[in-house]
Structure formats: structure tokens, C-alpha cells
Amino acid sequence: MFFRSTRKKRLEMKKVSKLEALAILVDECVAAHQNAVKTLTPNKEALAMYHNWMQGYLAYHIYAERYRLNELGFGVDQCC
């Protein structure tokens, strides 16, 4: 919660639009993922575990009703 509120305050201080804030957060998430992959690459087993975890993490959040991503075209009917 602290991390989330600090990030929100930082974006509010920059006075960016919601769309710009989303773009910033996406860039930060992509950078974090790339850093994790780079760090884990020497250990193939750890890298495989990370990729498996990431797939489950994304699937959970994509299909969870609370995020309403089905309104953007994501959903169970789009899977499998």
C-alpha cells in the first residue's frame, strides 16, 4: 500500500494525465520484468519458474472480474 500511494503522489506531483500515468506505469512494469529476466537468465531453472509464475499472475489479473478487463476484450471466452 505504501508503494502504491507513494507512486500515486509522485505522479500527481508531476501533474500528468491519467493516460500519461498509465504509460509511465506500463514502462516501469516492463522495465521490472526485463530486469527480472536479465537477472534470472544465468539460472535456467529459476528463469523457467519465473516465466511460469508470470503467466499465472497475468492470467489471474486478466480474468479476475474485479478489474473488468472483459470490457476491453479480455475474458474467459477469449482464452483457450
N, C-alpha and C. Protein backbone atom coordinates (compact mmCIF):
# COMPACT_ATOMS: atom_id res chain seq x y z
N MET A 1 0.82 -1.19 0.00
CA MET A 1 0.00 0.00 0.00
C MET A 1 0.87 1.25 0.00
N PHE A 2 1.93 1.25 0.80
CA PHE A 2 2.82 2.42 0.85
C PHE A 2 3.40 2.70 -0.53
N PHE A 3 3.85 1.64 -1.20
CA PHE A 3 4.46 1.79 -2.52
C PHE A 3 3.46 2.41 -3.49
N ARG A 4 2.24 1.92 -3.46
CA ARG A 4 1.20 2.41 -4.36
C ARG A 4 0.88 3.87 -4.08
N SER A 5 0.73 4.25 -2.83
CA SER A 5 0.38 5.63 -2.50
C SER A 5 1.54 6.58 -2.80
N THR A 6 2.77 6.11 -2.62
CA THR A 6 3.93 6.94 -2.95
C THR A 6 4.01 7.19 -4.44
N ARG A 7 3.78 6.15 -5.22
CA ARG A 7 3.79 6.28 -6.68
C ARG A 7 2.68 7.24 -7.12
N LYS A 8 1.51 7.10 -6.54
CA LYS A 8 0.39 7.98 -6.91
C LYS A 8 0.74 9.44 -6.61
N LYS A 9 1.31 9.69 -5.44
CA LYS A 9 1.69 11.06 -5.08
C LYS A 9 2.74 11.61 -6.04
N ARG A 10 3.70 10.75 -6.42
CA ARG A 10 4.75 11.18 -7.34
C ARG A 10 4.15 11.57 -8.69
N LEU A 11 3.20 10.79 -9.18
CA LEU A 11 2.58 11.11 -10.46
C LEU A 11 1.70 12.35 -10.36
N GLU A 12 1.03 12.51 -9.22
CA GLU A 12 0.21 13.71 -9.03
C GLU A 12 1.09 14.96 -8.98
N MET A 13 2.26 14.85 -8.37
CA MET A 13 3.17 16.00 -8.30
C MET A 13 3.67 16.39 -9.69
N LYS A 14 3.82 15.41 -10.56
CA LYS A 14 4.26 15.71 -11.93
C LYS A 14 3.12 16.30 -12.76
N LYS A 15 1.91 16.23 -12.24
CA LYS A 15 0.72 16.74 -12.92
C LYS A 15 0.56 16.12 -14.31
N VAL A 16 0.63 14.79 -14.35
CA VAL A 16 0.44 14.09 -15.61
C VAL A 16 -1.01 13.63 -15.71
N SER A 17 -1.46 13.45 -16.93
CA SER A 17 -2.82 12.96 -17.15
C SER A 17 -2.89 11.49 -16.75
N LYS A 18 -4.10 10.96 -16.66
CA LYS A 18 -4.26 9.55 -16.31
C LYS A 18 -3.65 8.66 -17.39
N LEU A 19 -3.78 9.06 -18.64
CA LEU A 19 -3.20 8.29 -19.73
C LEU A 19 -1.67 8.29 -19.66
N GLU A 20 -1.10 9.45 -19.37
CA GLU A 20 0.36 9.54 -19.22
C GLU A 20 0.83 8.72 -18.02
N ALA A 21 0.06 8.76 -16.93
CA ALA A 21 0.41 7.99 -15.74
C ALA A 21 0.38 6.50 -16.06
N LEU A 22 -0.61 6.07 -16.83
CA LEU A 22 -0.68 4.66 -17.23
C LEU A 22 0.53 4.28 -18.06
N ALA A 23 0.91 5.14 -19.00
CA ALA A 23 2.09 4.87 -19.84
C ALA A 23 3.35 4.76 -18.98
N ILE A 24 3.49 5.61 -17.99
CA ILE A 24 4.65 5.57 -17.09
C ILE A 24 4.66 4.26 -16.31
N LEU A 25 3.50 3.86 -15.79
CA LEU A 25 3.42 2.62 -15.02
C LEU A 25 3.71 1.41 -15.89
N VAL A 26 3.22 1.43 -17.12
CA VAL A 26 3.50 0.32 -18.04
C VAL A 26 5.00 0.23 -18.30
N ASP A 27 5.62 1.38 -18.57
CA ASP A 27 7.07 1.39 -18.80
C ASP A 27 7.83 0.84 -17.59
N GLU A 28 7.41 1.21 -16.39
CA GLU A 28 8.07 0.73 -15.17
C GLU A 28 7.89 -0.78 -15.01
N CYS A 29 6.70 -1.27 -15.33
CA CYS A 29 6.44 -2.72 -15.22
C CYS A 29 7.27 -3.50 -16.24
N VAL A 30 7.33 -3.00 -17.46
CA VAL A 30 8.13 -3.67 -18.49
C VAL A 30 9.60 -3.68 -18.09
N ALA A 31 10.09 -2.57 -17.58
CA ALA A 31 11.49 -2.49 -17.14
C ALA A 31 11.76 -3.48 -15.99
N ALA A 32 10.82 -3.59 -15.06
CA ALA A 32 10.98 -4.52 -13.94
C ALA A 32 11.02 -5.96 -14.45
N HIS A 33 10.15 -6.28 -15.40
CA HIS A 33 10.12 -7.63 -15.98
C HIS A 33 11.44 -7.92 -16.70
N GLN A 34 11.90 -6.98 -17.50
CA GLN A 34 13.16 -7.17 -18.22
C GLN A 34 14.33 -7.34 -17.26
N ASN A 35 14.31 -6.61 -16.17
CA ASN A 35 15.36 -6.74 -15.16
C ASN A 35 15.32 -8.11 -14.50
N ALA A 36 14.12 -8.60 -14.21
CA ALA A 36 13.98 -9.92 -13.60
C ALA A 36 14.50 -11.00 -14.55
N VAL A 37 14.13 -10.90 -15.82
CA VAL A 37 14.59 -11.88 -16.80
C VAL A 37 16.10 -11.84 -16.94
N LYS A 38 16.65 -10.64 -17.02
CA LYS A 38 18.11 -10.49 -17.14
C LYS A 38 18.83 -11.09 -15.93
N THR A 39 18.28 -10.83 -14.75
CA THR A 39 18.89 -11.33 -13.51
C THR A 39 18.81 -12.85 -13.43
N LEU A 40 17.69 -13.42 -13.87
CA LEU A 40 17.48 -14.87 -13.74
C LEU A 40 18.03 -15.68 -14.90
N THR A 41 18.41 -15.04 -15.99
CA THR A 41 18.87 -15.76 -17.18
C THR A 41 20.00 -16.76 -16.90
N PRO A 42 20.98 -16.46 -16.06
CA PRO A 42 22.03 -17.46 -15.80
C PRO A 42 21.52 -18.75 -15.16
N ASN A 43 20.39 -18.67 -14.47
CA ASN A 43 19.83 -19.84 -13.80
C ASN A 43 18.56 -20.25 -14.55
N LYS A 44 18.71 -21.20 -15.48
CA LYS A 44 17.59 -21.59 -16.35
C LYS A 44 16.38 -22.09 -15.57
N GLU A 45 16.61 -22.80 -14.47
CA GLU A 45 15.50 -23.31 -13.67
C GLU A 45 14.74 -22.16 -13.02
N ALA A 46 15.46 -21.20 -12.47
CA ALA A 46 14.81 -20.04 -11.85
C ALA A 46 14.07 -19.21 -12.90
N LEU A 47 14.66 -19.08 -14.08
CA LEU A 47 14.01 -18.33 -15.15
C LEU A 47 12.72 -19.01 -15.58
N ALA A 48 12.74 -20.33 -15.70
CA ALA A 48 11.53 -21.07 -16.07
C ALA A 48 10.45 -20.91 -15.00
N MET A 49 10.86 -20.97 -13.73
CA MET A 49 9.89 -20.78 -12.64
C MET A 49 9.30 -19.38 -12.69
N TYR A 50 10.12 -18.38 -12.98
CA TYR A 50 9.63 -17.00 -13.07
C TYR A 50 8.62 -16.88 -14.21
N HIS A 51 8.94 -17.45 -15.37
CA HIS A 51 8.02 -17.37 -16.50
C HIS A 51 6.69 -18.06 -16.18
N ASN A 52 6.74 -19.21 -15.53
CA ASN A 52 5.51 -19.90 -15.13
C ASN A 52 4.70 -19.06 -14.15
N TRP A 53 5.39 -18.47 -13.18
CA TRP A 53 4.71 -17.62 -12.21
C TRP A 53 4.07 -16.42 -12.91
N MET A 54 4.82 -15.80 -13.82
CA MET A 54 4.32 -14.61 -14.52
C MET A 54 3.08 -14.94 -15.34
N GLN A 55 3.06 -16.09 -16.00
CA GLN A 55 1.88 -16.48 -16.77
C GLN A 55 0.66 -16.61 -15.86
N GLY A 56 0.84 -17.24 -14.70
CA GLY A 56 -0.26 -17.38 -13.76
C GLY A 56 -0.71 -16.05 -13.19
N TYR A 57 0.26 -15.20 -12.88
CA TYR A 57 -0.04 -13.87 -12.33
C TYR A 57 -0.85 -13.05 -13.33
N LEU A 58 -0.41 -13.05 -14.57
CA LEU A 58 -1.14 -12.30 -15.60
C LEU A 58 -2.52 -12.88 -15.84
N ALA A 59 -2.60 -14.20 -15.94
CA ALA A 59 -3.90 -14.84 -16.18
C ALA A 59 -4.88 -14.50 -15.06
N TYR A 60 -4.42 -14.58 -13.82
CA TYR A 60 -5.29 -14.25 -12.69
C TYR A 60 -5.86 -12.85 -12.83
N HIS A 61 -5.00 -11.88 -13.11
CA HIS A 61 -5.44 -10.50 -13.17
C HIS A 61 -6.25 -10.19 -14.43
N ILE A 62 -5.95 -10.86 -15.52
CA ILE A 62 -6.72 -10.63 -16.75
C ILE A 62 -8.14 -11.15 -16.59
N TYR A 63 -8.29 -12.32 -15.97
CA TYR A 63 -9.61 -12.94 -15.89
C TYR A 63 -10.38 -12.60 -14.62
N ALA A 64 -9.77 -11.91 -13.67
CA ALA A 64 -10.47 -11.53 -12.44
C ALA A 64 -11.54 -10.48 -12.77
N GLU A 65 -12.75 -10.72 -12.32
CA GLU A 65 -13.86 -9.82 -12.62
C GLU A 65 -13.66 -8.43 -12.05
N ARG A 66 -12.94 -8.32 -10.95
CA ARG A 66 -12.81 -7.02 -10.28
C ARG A 66 -12.12 -5.98 -11.15
N TYR A 67 -11.28 -6.42 -12.11
CA TYR A 67 -10.57 -5.47 -12.96
C TYR A 67 -11.35 -5.10 -14.22
N ARG A 68 -12.43 -5.82 -14.48
CA ARG A 68 -13.35 -5.53 -15.59
C ARG A 68 -12.63 -5.47 -16.95
N LEU A 69 -11.58 -6.26 -17.09
CA LEU A 69 -10.84 -6.27 -18.34
C LEU A 69 -11.63 -6.93 -19.47
N ASN A 70 -12.68 -7.68 -19.10
CA ASN A 70 -13.55 -8.25 -20.13
C ASN A 70 -14.20 -7.15 -20.96
N GLU A 71 -14.34 -5.97 -20.38
CA GLU A 71 -14.91 -4.84 -21.11
C GLU A 71 -13.96 -4.33 -22.19
N LEU A 72 -12.69 -4.71 -22.09
CA LEU A 72 -11.69 -4.32 -23.08
C LEU A 72 -11.38 -5.46 -24.05
N GLY A 73 -12.14 -6.53 -23.94
CA GLY A 73 -11.95 -7.65 -24.85
C GLY A 73 -11.18 -8.83 -24.28
N PHE A 74 -10.81 -8.75 -22.99
CA PHE A 74 -10.16 -9.88 -22.34
C PHE A 74 -11.24 -10.67 -21.62
N GLY A 75 -11.06 -11.95 -21.51
CA GLY A 75 -12.01 -12.72 -20.75
C GLY A 75 -11.89 -14.20 -21.06
N VAL A 76 -12.65 -14.98 -20.32
CA VAL A 76 -12.60 -16.43 -20.46
C VAL A 76 -12.96 -16.85 -21.87
N ASP A 77 -13.91 -16.17 -22.49
CA ASP A 77 -14.31 -16.55 -23.85
C ASP A 77 -13.20 -16.29 -24.86
N GLN A 78 -12.19 -15.50 -24.49
CA GLN A 78 -11.06 -15.21 -25.37
C GLN A 78 -9.94 -16.24 -25.19
N CYS A 79 -10.05 -17.03 -24.16
CA CYS A 79 -8.97 -17.95 -23.81
C CYS A 79 -9.26 -19.35 -24.32
N CYS A 80 -8.22 -20.05 -24.60
CA CYS A 80 -8.24 -21.50 -24.86
C CYS A 80 -9.18 -21.84 -25.98
